[in-house]
C-alpha atoms as a PDB file:
ATOM      1  CA  MET A   1      -2.143-111.415  25.872  1.00  0.00           C
ATOM      2  CA  LYS A   2      -0.272-113.941  28.049  1.00  0.00           C
ATOM      3  CA  ASN A   3       3.045-112.242  27.340  1.00  0.00           C
ATOM      4  CA  LEU A   4       1.498-108.853  28.185  1.00  0.00           C
ATOM      5  CA  ILE A   5       0.260-110.096  31.558  1.00  0.00           C
ATOM      6  CA  HIS A   6       3.608-111.653  32.382  1.00  0.00           C
ATOM      7  CA  SER A   7       5.297-108.364  31.446  1.00  0.00           C
ATOM      8  CA  LEU A   8       3.013-106.488  33.823  1.00  0.00           C
ATOM      9  CA  ILE A   9       3.884-108.866  36.634  1.00  0.00           C
ATOM     10  CA  ILE A  10       7.597-108.425  35.966  1.00  0.00           C
ATOM     11  CA  SER A  11       7.189-104.622  35.820  1.00  0.00           C
ATOM     12  CA  CYS A  12       5.414-104.655  39.166  1.00  0.00           C
ATOM     13  CA  THR A  13       8.228-106.671  40.653  1.00  0.00           C
ATOM     14  CA  LEU A  14      10.817-104.210  39.384  1.00  0.00           C
ATOM     15  CA  LEU A  15       8.849-101.170  40.556  1.00  0.00           C
ATOM     16  CA  GLY A  16       8.368-102.596  43.997  1.00  0.00           C
ATOM     17  CA  LEU A  17       5.334-103.058  46.135  1.00  0.00           C
ATOM     18  CA  TYR A  18       4.094 -99.451  46.099  1.00  0.00           C
ATOM     19  CA  GLY A  19       4.198 -99.276  42.291  1.00  0.00           C
ATOM     20  CA  CYS A  20       1.689-102.081  42.059  1.00  0.00           C
ATOM     21  CA  ILE A  21      -0.788-101.456  44.852  1.00  0.00           C
ATOM     22  CA  GLY A  22      -4.155-102.913  43.895  1.00  0.00           C
ATOM     23  CA  ILE A  23      -2.740-104.984  41.017  1.00  0.00           C
ATOM     24  CA  GLN A  24      -2.820-108.695  41.751  1.00  0.00           C
ATOM     25  CA  PHE A  25      -2.921-111.518  39.237  1.00  0.00           C
ATOM     26  CA  SER A  26      -4.085-114.994  40.153  1.00  0.00           C
ATOM     27  CA  GLU A  27      -3.855-117.904  37.770  1.00  0.00           C
ATOM     28  CA  SER A  28      -7.636-117.647  37.204  1.00  0.00           C
ATOM     29  CA  ASP A  29      -7.281-113.898  36.397  1.00  0.00           C
ATOM     30  CA  ILE A  30      -4.678-114.698  33.780  1.00  0.00           C
ATOM     31  CA  ALA A  31      -6.835-117.459  32.272  1.00  0.00           C
ATOM     32  CA  THR A  32      -9.869-115.172  32.133  1.00  0.00           C
ATOM     33  CA  LEU A  33      -7.961-112.335  30.494  1.00  0.00           C
ATOM     34  CA  GLU A  34      -6.409-114.710  27.978  1.00  0.00           C
ATOM     35  CA  GLN A  35      -9.875-115.924  26.958  1.00  0.00           C
ATOM     36  CA  LYS A  36     -11.506-112.456  26.702  1.00  0.00           C
ATOM     37  CA  PRO A  37     -11.981-111.442  23.036  1.00  0.00           C
ATOM     38  CA  GLN A  38     -10.324-108.207  22.073  1.00  0.00           C
ATOM     39  CA  ALA A  39     -11.789-105.624  19.657  1.00  0.00           C
ATOM     40  CA  THR A  40      -9.927-105.484  16.357  1.00  0.00           C
ATOM     41  CA  ASP A  41      -9.725-102.925  13.575  1.00  0.00           C
ATOM     42  CA  SER A  42     -11.617-105.296  11.290  1.00  0.00           C
ATOM     43  CA  GLN A  43     -14.481-105.495  13.798  1.00  0.00           C
ATOM     44  CA  ALA A  44     -14.625-101.701  14.078  1.00  0.00           C
ATOM     45  CA  GLN A  45     -14.819-101.452  10.287  1.00  0.00           C
ATOM     46  CA  ASN A  46     -17.986-103.578  10.296  1.00  0.00           C
ATOM     47  CA  ILE A  47     -19.979-100.690  11.778  1.00  0.00           C
ATOM     48  CA  ILE A  48     -21.561 -98.353   9.214  1.00  0.00           C
ATOM     49  CA  LYS A  49     -22.844 -95.008  10.476  1.00  0.00           C
ATOM     50  CA  ILE A  50     -25.540 -93.315   8.400  1.00  0.00           C
ATOM     51  CA  GLY A  51     -27.042 -89.844   8.755  1.00  0.00           C
ATOM     52  CA  GLY A  52     -29.169 -87.501   6.701  1.00  0.00           C
ATOM     53  CA  SER A  53     -32.468 -85.751   6.329  1.00  0.00           C
ATOM     54  CA  SER A  54     -35.601 -87.278   7.829  1.00  0.00           C
ATOM     55  CA  SER A  55     -37.078 -87.681   4.340  1.00  0.00           C
ATOM     56  CA  THR A  56     -34.320 -90.131   3.345  1.00  0.00           C
ATOM     57  CA  THR A  57     -34.265 -92.251   6.501  1.00  0.00           C
ATOM     58  CA  THR A  58     -37.099 -94.546   5.395  1.00  0.00           C
ATOM     59  CA  VAL A  59     -35.369 -95.788   2.258  1.00  0.00           C
ATOM     60  CA  LEU A  60     -31.968 -96.175   3.927  1.00  0.00           C
ATOM     61  CA  LYS A  61     -33.383 -98.132   6.881  1.00  0.00           C
ATOM     62  CA  LEU A  62     -35.265-100.334   4.451  1.00  0.00           C
ATOM     63  CA  LEU A  63     -32.083-101.169   2.531  1.00  0.00           C
ATOM     64  CA  ALA A  64     -29.996-101.497   5.694  1.00  0.00           C
ATOM     65  CA  LYS A  65     -32.411-104.067   7.132  1.00  0.00           C
ATOM     66  CA  GLU A  66     -32.127-106.237   4.027  1.00  0.00           C
ATOM     67  CA  TYR A  67     -28.347-105.831   3.886  1.00  0.00           C
ATOM     68  CA  GLN A  68     -27.818-106.767   7.525  1.00  0.00           C
ATOM     69  CA  ALA A  69     -30.006-109.861   7.077  1.00  0.00           C
ATOM     70  CA  LYS A  70     -27.545-111.069   4.456  1.00  0.00           C
ATOM     71  CA  ASN A  71     -24.469-109.750   6.273  1.00  0.00           C
ATOM     72  CA  PRO A  72     -25.004-110.352  10.015  1.00  0.00           C
ATOM     73  CA  GLN A  73     -21.408-109.380  10.772  1.00  0.00           C
ATOM     74  CA  VAL A  74     -22.195-105.793   9.724  1.00  0.00           C
ATOM     75  CA  LYS A  75     -24.001-103.361  12.017  1.00  0.00           C
ATOM     76  CA  VAL A  76     -25.657-100.242  10.612  1.00  0.00           C
ATOM     77  CA  ASP A  77     -26.179 -97.356  13.041  1.00  0.00           C
ATOM     78  CA  PHE A  78     -28.402 -94.371  12.222  1.00  0.00           C
ATOM     79  CA  THR A  79     -27.597 -91.020  13.770  1.00  0.00           C
ATOM     80  CA  THR A  80     -30.276 -88.549  14.842  1.00  0.00           C
ATOM     81  CA  ASN A  81     -32.118 -87.166  11.829  1.00  0.00           C
ATOM     82  CA  SER A  82     -30.929 -83.743  10.755  1.00  0.00           C
ATOM     83  CA  GLN A  83     -30.895 -81.644   7.639  1.00  0.00           C
ATOM     84  CA  SER A  84     -28.706 -82.889   4.813  1.00  0.00           C
ATOM     85  CA  GLU A  85     -26.222 -80.047   5.247  1.00  0.00           C
ATOM     86  CA  GLY A  86     -25.361 -81.051   8.818  1.00  0.00           C
ATOM     87  CA  ALA A  87     -24.980 -84.708   7.870  1.00  0.00           C
ATOM     88  CA  ILE A  88     -22.650 -83.826   4.989  1.00  0.00           C
ATOM     89  CA  ALA A  89     -20.475 -81.842   7.403  1.00  0.00           C
ATOM     90  CA  SER A  90     -20.327 -84.900   9.679  1.00  0.00           C
ATOM     91  CA  LEU A  91     -19.304 -87.066   6.726  1.00  0.00           C
ATOM     92  CA  LYS A  92     -16.454 -84.706   5.838  1.00  0.00           C
ATOM     93  CA  SER A  93     -15.317 -84.848   9.470  1.00  0.00           C
ATOM     94  CA  ASN A  94     -15.337 -88.679   9.366  1.00  0.00           C
ATOM     95  CA  ILE A  95     -18.057 -88.860  12.038  1.00  0.00           C
ATOM     96  CA  ILE A  96     -20.404 -90.841   9.792  1.00  0.00           C
ATOM     97  CA  ASP A  97     -19.891 -92.976   6.681  1.00  0.00           C
ATOM     98  CA  ILE A  98     -22.945 -92.354   4.490  1.00  0.00           C
ATOM     99  CA  VAL A  99     -25.385 -89.477   4.028  1.00  0.00           C
ATOM    100  CA  GLY A 100     -28.896 -89.588   2.625  1.00  0.00           C
ATOM    101  CA  SER A 101     -29.772 -86.263   1.026  1.00  0.00           C
ATOM    102  CA  SER A 102     -32.899 -84.865  -0.603  1.00  0.00           C
ATOM    103  CA  HIS A 103     -30.804 -82.486  -2.699  1.00  0.00           C
ATOM    104  CA  LYS A 104     -27.863 -82.908  -5.041  1.00  0.00           C
ATOM    105  CA  LEU A 105     -24.414 -82.359  -3.598  1.00  0.00           C
ATOM    106  CA  LYS A 106     -23.593 -78.683  -4.029  1.00  0.00           C
ATOM    107  CA  PRO A 107     -20.134 -77.574  -5.235  1.00  0.00           C
ATOM    108  CA  GLU A 108     -19.559 -75.661  -1.999  1.00  0.00           C
ATOM    109  CA  GLU A 109     -20.345 -78.820   0.020  1.00  0.00           C
ATOM    110  CA  ASN A 110     -17.799 -80.945  -1.814  1.00  0.00           C
ATOM    111  CA  ASN A 111     -14.279 -80.909  -0.385  1.00  0.00           C
ATOM    112  CA  GLY A 112     -13.002 -83.259  -3.068  1.00  0.00           C
ATOM    113  CA  GLN A 113     -12.975 -86.213  -0.675  1.00  0.00           C
ATOM    114  CA  ILE A 114     -16.611 -87.267  -1.081  1.00  0.00           C
ATOM    115  CA  GLN A 115     -18.819 -88.507  -3.910  1.00  0.00           C
ATOM    116  CA  SER A 116     -22.540 -88.734  -4.598  1.00  0.00           C
ATOM    117  CA  ARG A 117     -24.986 -90.652  -6.738  1.00  0.00           C
ATOM    118  CA  GLU A 118     -28.763 -90.554  -7.108  1.00  0.00           C
ATOM    119  CA  LEU A 119     -30.382 -93.578  -5.484  1.00  0.00           C
ATOM    120  CA  ALA A 120     -34.093 -93.224  -6.173  1.00  0.00           C
ATOM    121  CA  THR A 121     -37.064 -90.994  -6.816  1.00  0.00           C
ATOM    122  CA  ASP A 122     -39.792 -90.693  -4.197  1.00  0.00           C
ATOM    123  CA  LEU A 123     -43.185 -89.291  -5.125  1.00  0.00           C
ATOM    124  CA  LEU A 124     -44.577 -86.674  -2.773  1.00  0.00           C
ATOM    125  CA  LEU A 125     -48.293 -87.027  -2.112  1.00  0.00           C
ATOM    126  CA  VAL A 126     -50.919 -84.841  -0.481  1.00  0.00           C
ATOM    127  CA  ALA A 127     -53.073 -86.823   1.928  1.00  0.00           C
ATOM    128  CA  THR A 128     -55.730 -86.316   4.579  1.00  0.00           C
ATOM    129  CA  HIS A 129     -56.739 -88.071   7.781  1.00  0.00           C
ATOM    130  CA  SER A 130     -59.156 -90.940   7.180  1.00  0.00           C
ATOM    131  CA  SER A 131     -61.953 -88.846   8.743  1.00  0.00           C
ATOM    132  CA  VAL A 132     -62.098 -86.665   5.620  1.00  0.00           C
ATOM    133  CA  LYS A 133     -64.754 -88.512   3.625  1.00  0.00           C
ATOM    134  CA  GLY A 134     -65.933 -87.403   0.208  1.00  0.00           C
ATOM    135  CA  VAL A 135     -62.756 -85.561  -0.823  1.00  0.00           C
ATOM    136  CA  THR A 136     -60.584 -87.506  -3.246  1.00  0.00           C
ATOM    137  CA  ASN A 137     -59.276 -84.826  -5.613  1.00  0.00           C
ATOM    138  CA  LEU A 138     -58.119 -81.224  -5.332  1.00  0.00           C
ATOM    139  CA  THR A 139     -57.331 -78.739  -8.051  1.00  0.00           C
ATOM    140  CA  THR A 140     -54.312 -76.479  -7.842  1.00  0.00           C
ATOM    141  CA  GLN A 141     -56.604 -73.557  -7.003  1.00  0.00           C
ATOM    142  CA  GLN A 142     -58.309 -75.470  -4.185  1.00  0.00           C
ATOM    143  CA  LEU A 143     -54.991 -76.598  -2.691  1.00  0.00           C
ATOM    144  CA  GLN A 144     -53.677 -73.038  -2.805  1.00  0.00           C
ATOM    145  CA  ALA A 145     -56.830 -71.763  -1.098  1.00  0.00           C
ATOM    146  CA  ILE A 146     -56.452 -74.350   1.688  1.00  0.00           C
ATOM    147  CA  TYR A 147     -52.839 -73.418   2.359  1.00  0.00           C
ATOM    148  CA  ARG A 148     -53.669 -69.679   2.211  1.00  0.00           C
ATOM    149  CA  GLY A 149     -56.416 -70.209   4.768  1.00  0.00           C
ATOM    150  CA  GLU A 150     -59.234 -69.144   2.423  1.00  0.00           C
ATOM    151  CA  ILE A 151     -60.947 -72.541   2.365  1.00  0.00           C
ATOM    152  CA  THR A 152     -61.228 -73.523   6.007  1.00  0.00           C
ATOM    153  CA  ASN A 153     -63.966 -76.177   6.133  1.00  0.00           C
ATOM    154  CA  TRP A 154     -63.992 -79.548   4.372  1.00  0.00           C
ATOM    155  CA  GLN A 155     -67.680 -79.044   3.612  1.00  0.00           C
ATOM    156  CA  GLU A 156     -66.673 -76.426   1.023  1.00  0.00           C
ATOM    157  CA  LEU A 157     -64.988 -79.244  -0.920  1.00  0.00           C
ATOM    158  CA  GLY A 158     -67.723 -81.856  -0.563  1.00  0.00           C
ATOM    159  CA  GLY A 159     -66.433 -83.308   2.689  1.00  0.00           C
ATOM    160  CA  PRO A 160     -67.630 -83.308   6.310  1.00  0.00           C
ATOM    161  CA  ASN A 161     -68.610 -80.163   8.195  1.00  0.00           C
ATOM    162  CA  ALA A 162     -65.280 -79.828   9.994  1.00  0.00           C
ATOM    163  CA  LYS A 163     -62.430 -77.338  10.209  1.00  0.00           C
ATOM    164  CA  ILE A 164     -59.434 -78.039   7.974  1.00  0.00           C
ATOM    165  CA  VAL A 165     -56.171 -78.474   9.907  1.00  0.00           C
ATOM    166  CA  VAL A 166     -53.158 -77.767   7.697  1.00  0.00           C
ATOM    167  CA  LEU A 167     -49.952 -79.596   8.614  1.00  0.00           C
ATOM    168  CA  ASP A 168     -46.965 -77.898   7.060  1.00  0.00           C
ATOM    169  CA  ARG A 169     -43.166 -78.130   6.867  1.00  0.00           C
ATOM    170  CA  PRO A 170     -40.542 -75.359   7.192  1.00  0.00           C
ATOM    171  CA  GLU A 171     -39.844 -73.416   4.027  1.00  0.00           C
ATOM    172  CA  ASP A 172     -36.330 -74.846   3.636  1.00  0.00           C
ATOM    173  CA  GLU A 173     -37.516 -78.475   3.667  1.00  0.00           C
ATOM    174  CA  SER A 174     -37.770 -80.426   0.411  1.00  0.00           C
ATOM    175  CA  ALA A 175     -41.473 -81.218   0.807  1.00  0.00           C
ATOM    176  CA  LYS A 176     -42.470 -77.556   1.111  1.00  0.00           C
ATOM    177  CA  LYS A 177     -40.161 -76.558  -1.740  1.00  0.00           C
ATOM    178  CA  LEU A 178     -41.803 -79.117  -4.010  1.00  0.00           C
ATOM    179  CA  LEU A 179     -45.308 -78.059  -2.998  1.00  0.00           C
ATOM    180  CA  ARG A 180     -44.427 -74.491  -3.888  1.00  0.00           C
ATOM    181  CA  LYS A 181     -42.777 -75.451  -7.165  1.00  0.00           C
ATOM    182  CA  TYR A 182     -45.675 -77.473  -8.529  1.00  0.00           C
ATOM    183  CA  TYR A 183     -48.796 -76.159  -6.789  1.00  0.00           C
ATOM    184  CA  LEU A 184     -48.568 -73.399  -4.195  1.00  0.00           C
ATOM    185  CA  GLY A 185     -46.312 -70.901  -5.922  1.00  0.00           C
ATOM    186  CA  LYS A 186     -45.180 -67.983  -3.771  1.00  0.00           C
ATOM    187  CA  GLU A 187     -48.489 -67.517  -1.963  1.00  0.00           C
ATOM    188  CA  LYS A 188     -48.197 -67.070   1.802  1.00  0.00           C
ATOM    189  CA  THR A 189     -49.241 -70.003   3.966  1.00  0.00           C
ATOM    190  CA  THR A 190     -51.877 -69.393   6.627  1.00  0.00           C
ATOM    191  CA  THR A 191     -50.474 -68.555  10.045  1.00  0.00           C
ATOM    192  CA  LYS A 192     -52.839 -71.171  11.482  1.00  0.00           C
ATOM    193  CA  ALA A 193     -50.918 -74.008   9.831  1.00  0.00           C
ATOM    194  CA  VAL A 194     -49.157 -76.400  12.209  1.00  0.00           C
ATOM    195  CA  ILE A 195     -45.444 -76.413  11.341  1.00  0.00           C
ATOM    196  CA  LEU A 196     -43.684 -79.738  11.912  1.00  0.00           C
ATOM    197  CA  ASN A 197     -39.910 -79.916  11.550  1.00  0.00           C
ATOM    198  CA  LYS A 198     -39.623 -83.600  10.661  1.00  0.00           C
ATOM    199  CA  GLU A 199     -41.560 -85.581   8.107  1.00  0.00           C
ATOM    200  CA  GLY A 200     -42.120 -88.385  10.608  1.00  0.00           C
ATOM    201  CA  GLU A 201     -43.802 -85.927  12.974  1.00  0.00           C
ATOM    202  CA  LEU A 202     -46.125 -84.764  10.203  1.00  0.00           C
ATOM    203  CA  ILE A 203     -47.053 -88.346   9.303  1.00  0.00           C
ATOM    204  CA  ASP A 204     -47.764 -89.274  12.918  1.00  0.00           C
ATOM    205  CA  THR A 205     -49.862 -86.148  13.457  1.00  0.00           C
ATOM    206  CA  LEU A 206     -51.821 -86.654  10.249  1.00  0.00           C
ATOM    207  CA  GLN A 207     -52.715 -90.209  11.280  1.00  0.00           C
ATOM    208  CA  SER A 208     -53.742 -89.260  14.813  1.00  0.00           C
ATOM    209  CA  THR A 209     -55.524 -85.942  14.252  1.00  0.00           C
ATOM    210  CA  PRO A 210     -58.894 -85.845  12.443  1.00  0.00           C
ATOM    211  CA  TYR A 211     -59.496 -83.480   9.507  1.00  0.00           C
ATOM    212  CA  THR A 212     -55.787 -82.837   8.842  1.00  0.00           C
ATOM    213  CA  ILE A 213     -54.045 -82.458   5.482  1.00  0.00           C
ATOM    214  CA  GLY A 214     -50.343 -82.614   4.663  1.00  0.00           C
ATOM    215  CA  ALA A 215     -47.717 -83.655   2.125  1.00  0.00           C
ATOM    216  CA  PHE A 216     -45.196 -86.454   2.552  1.00  0.00           C
ATOM    217  CA  SER A 217     -43.520 -89.487   0.955  1.00  0.00           C
ATOM    218  CA  LEU A 218     -45.648 -91.880  -1.089  1.00  0.00           C
ATOM    219  CA  ALA A 219     -43.165 -94.686  -0.387  1.00  0.00           C
ATOM    220  CA  THR A 220     -43.555 -94.202   3.370  1.00  0.00           C
ATOM    221  CA  SER A 221     -47.304 -94.536   2.945  1.00  0.00           C
ATOM    222  CA  VAL A 222     -46.853 -97.721   0.890  1.00  0.00           C
ATOM    223  CA  ILE A 223     -44.248 -99.349   3.172  1.00  0.00           C
ATOM    224  CA  ASN A 224     -46.235 -98.721   6.357  1.00  0.00           C
ATOM    225  CA  GLN A 225     -49.652 -99.202   4.744  1.00  0.00           C
ATOM    226  CA  LEU A 226     -50.821 -95.963   6.310  1.00  0.00           C
ATOM    227  CA  PRO A 227     -54.613 -95.624   6.653  1.00  0.00           C
ATOM    228  CA  VAL A 228     -54.752 -92.164   5.061  1.00  0.00           C
ATOM    229  CA  ASN A 229     -56.599 -90.714   2.075  1.00  0.00           C
ATOM    230  CA  ARG A 230     -54.174 -90.195  -0.810  1.00  0.00           C
ATOM    231  CA  LEU A 231     -55.507 -87.325  -2.869  1.00  0.00           C
ATOM    232  CA  SER A 232     -55.376 -86.931  -6.618  1.00  0.00           C
ATOM    233  CA  LEU A 233     -54.245 -83.490  -7.747  1.00  0.00           C
ATOM    234  CA  ASN A 234     -55.921 -82.097 -10.851  1.00  0.00           C
ATOM    235  CA  SER A 235     -57.391 -85.606 -11.297  1.00  0.00           C
ATOM    236  CA  ILE A 236     -53.950 -87.236 -11.449  1.00  0.00           C
ATOM    237  CA  SER A 237     -53.276 -89.781  -8.712  1.00  0.00           C
ATOM    238  CA  PRO A 238     -49.843 -90.114  -7.062  1.00  0.00           C
ATOM    239  CA  LYS A 239     -48.828 -93.413  -8.665  1.00  0.00           C
ATOM    240  CA  ILE A 240     -45.539 -94.649 -10.081  1.00  0.00           C
ATOM    241  CA  GLU A 241     -47.028 -95.099 -13.549  1.00  0.00           C
ATOM    242  CA  ASN A 242     -48.201 -91.477 -13.585  1.00  0.00           C
ATOM    243  CA  PHE A 243     -44.658 -90.378 -12.798  1.00  0.00           C
ATOM    244  CA  THR A 244     -43.079 -92.553 -15.465  1.00  0.00           C
ATOM    245  CA  ASN A 245     -45.519 -91.279 -18.104  1.00  0.00           C
ATOM    246  CA  GLY A 246     -44.813 -87.678 -17.098  1.00  0.00           C
ATOM    247  CA  LYS A 247     -48.236 -86.809 -15.685  1.00  0.00           C
ATOM    248  CA  TYR A 248     -47.265 -86.559 -11.992  1.00  0.00           C
ATOM    249  CA  GLN A 249     -44.175 -84.429 -11.462  1.00  0.00           C
ATOM    250  CA  MET A 250     -43.992 -83.674  -7.734  1.00  0.00           C
ATOM    251  CA  VAL A 251     -41.124 -86.003  -6.815  1.00  0.00           C
ATOM    252  CA  ARG A 252     -38.128 -85.943  -4.513  1.00  0.00           C
ATOM    253  CA  HIS A 253     -34.719 -87.167  -5.683  1.00  0.00           C
ATOM    254  CA  ILE A 254     -32.773 -89.076  -3.038  1.00  0.00           C
ATOM    255  CA  GLU A 255     -28.983 -88.876  -3.174  1.00  0.00           C
ATOM    256  CA  ILE A 256     -26.402 -91.057  -1.438  1.00  0.00           C
ATOM    257  CA  ILE A 257     -23.136 -89.370  -0.448  1.00  0.00           C
ATOM    258  CA  TRP A 258     -20.051 -91.183   0.833  1.00  0.00           C
ATOM    259  CA  SER A 259     -16.269 -90.961   1.030  1.00  0.00           C
ATOM    260  CA  LYS A 260     -14.063 -91.581  -1.999  1.00  0.00           C
ATOM    261  CA  LYS A 261     -12.065 -93.898   0.278  1.00  0.00           C
ATOM    262  CA  PRO A 262     -14.772 -95.882   2.097  1.00  0.00           C
ATOM    263  CA  SER A 263     -14.188 -98.785   4.462  1.00  0.00           C
ATOM    264  CA  PRO A 264     -14.810-102.263   2.987  1.00  0.00           C
ATOM    265  CA  SER A 265     -18.098-102.507   4.907  1.00  0.00           C
ATOM    266  CA  THR A 266     -19.306 -99.131   3.628  1.00  0.00           C
ATOM    267  CA  GLN A 267     -18.388-100.011   0.053  1.00  0.00           C
ATOM    268  CA  GLY A 268     -20.187-103.325   0.411  1.00  0.00           C
ATOM    269  CA  PHE A 269     -23.375-101.549   1.454  1.00  0.00           C
ATOM    270  CA  ILE A 270     -23.037 -99.026  -1.389  1.00  0.00           C
ATOM    271  CA  ASP A 271     -22.617-101.860  -3.894  1.00  0.00           C
ATOM    272  CA  PHE A 272     -25.730-103.531  -2.492  1.00  0.00           C
ATOM    273  CA  VAL A 273     -28.031-100.502  -2.662  1.00  0.00           C
ATOM    274  CA  PHE A 274     -27.107 -99.901  -6.307  1.00  0.00           C
ATOM    275  CA  SER A 275     -27.346-103.564  -7.269  1.00  0.00           C
ATOM    276  CA  GLN A 276     -30.209-105.223  -9.124  1.00  0.00           C
ATOM    277  CA  GLU A 277     -31.369-106.668  -5.814  1.00  0.00           C
ATOM    278  CA  GLY A 278     -31.382-103.200  -4.253  1.00  0.00           C
ATOM    279  CA  SER A 279     -33.426-101.864  -7.174  1.00  0.00           C
ATOM    280  CA  LYS A 280     -36.020-104.597  -6.711  1.00  0.00           C
ATOM    281  CA  ILE A 281     -36.370-103.692  -3.028  1.00  0.00           C
ATOM    282  CA  LEU A 282     -36.896-100.049  -3.961  1.00  0.00           C
ATOM    283  CA  GLU A 283     -39.517-100.840  -6.598  1.00  0.00           C
ATOM    284  CA  LYS A 284     -41.374-103.166  -4.252  1.00  0.00           C
ATOM    285  CA  ASN A 285     -41.728-100.385  -1.694  1.00  0.00           C
ATOM    286  CA  GLY A 286     -42.920 -97.516  -3.859  1.00  0.00           C
ATOM    287  CA  PHE A 287     -39.621 -95.929  -4.945  1.00  0.00           C
ATOM    288  CA  VAL A 288     -38.376 -95.463  -8.490  1.00  0.00           C
ATOM    289  CA  PRO A 289     -34.727 -96.621  -8.709  1.00  0.00           C
ATOM    290  CA  ALA A 290     -32.372 -94.206 -10.438  1.00  0.00           C
ATOM    291  CA  LYS A 291     -31.076 -95.362 -13.806  1.00  0.00           C
END
């Protein structure tokens, strides 16, 4: 730095007065500049940028928090939640380092420079606002009738005399796809359903709006201790043990996608999330670690 400053002074002298208008160096200026820390490539590599679908953000933020606590020199930045496809495109363009996806990497998405691995399984539950008393279980037929708009009052199901408010997700989102696969089939959803683009928006609305019903991550409910009514479906509750014994099948598989040539910081985080310690964090918070 000192040599650079001296070179600038010499250059100004050679160029003459007009070439250096506004550039003056006092001894204190030189001392200050010499002491100022400069950004290095190694410091830049300690920033990990993560993107992905809203349904995967919870688990990645959970792991990132634990990782940063053990590695304070590493900073993890999360980009604005988007669909997995957009995040994968950003990864291939080297805009971000890691993608959380609720679907497996498709052949057409893989440019040969990225890799993927399943991180965990997240059960999808159907829940209601805490105001819905007396309803703890729904059959497939009852759930279908609610989403079709045929059952419109909770009283018809043994609950309060109040209108049912259906909170729904777009058809191309993983939660809606899973609901259709295991319970709703191809039946049309009532036009009175409130469509929410992000899972976080659905969760917030379900907590704040009485008599609502919606489907979202069990792990999110566990981590945040959400005061909602988790419903059993066909008398099977959304619990880890019911998934492992094959009784509860509505689950979302979370994939991690990253470059085949990651930075040291990115690789360190990847190693952590797939470590035994990472698995324990997942289990503690309602996820099922991938084998």
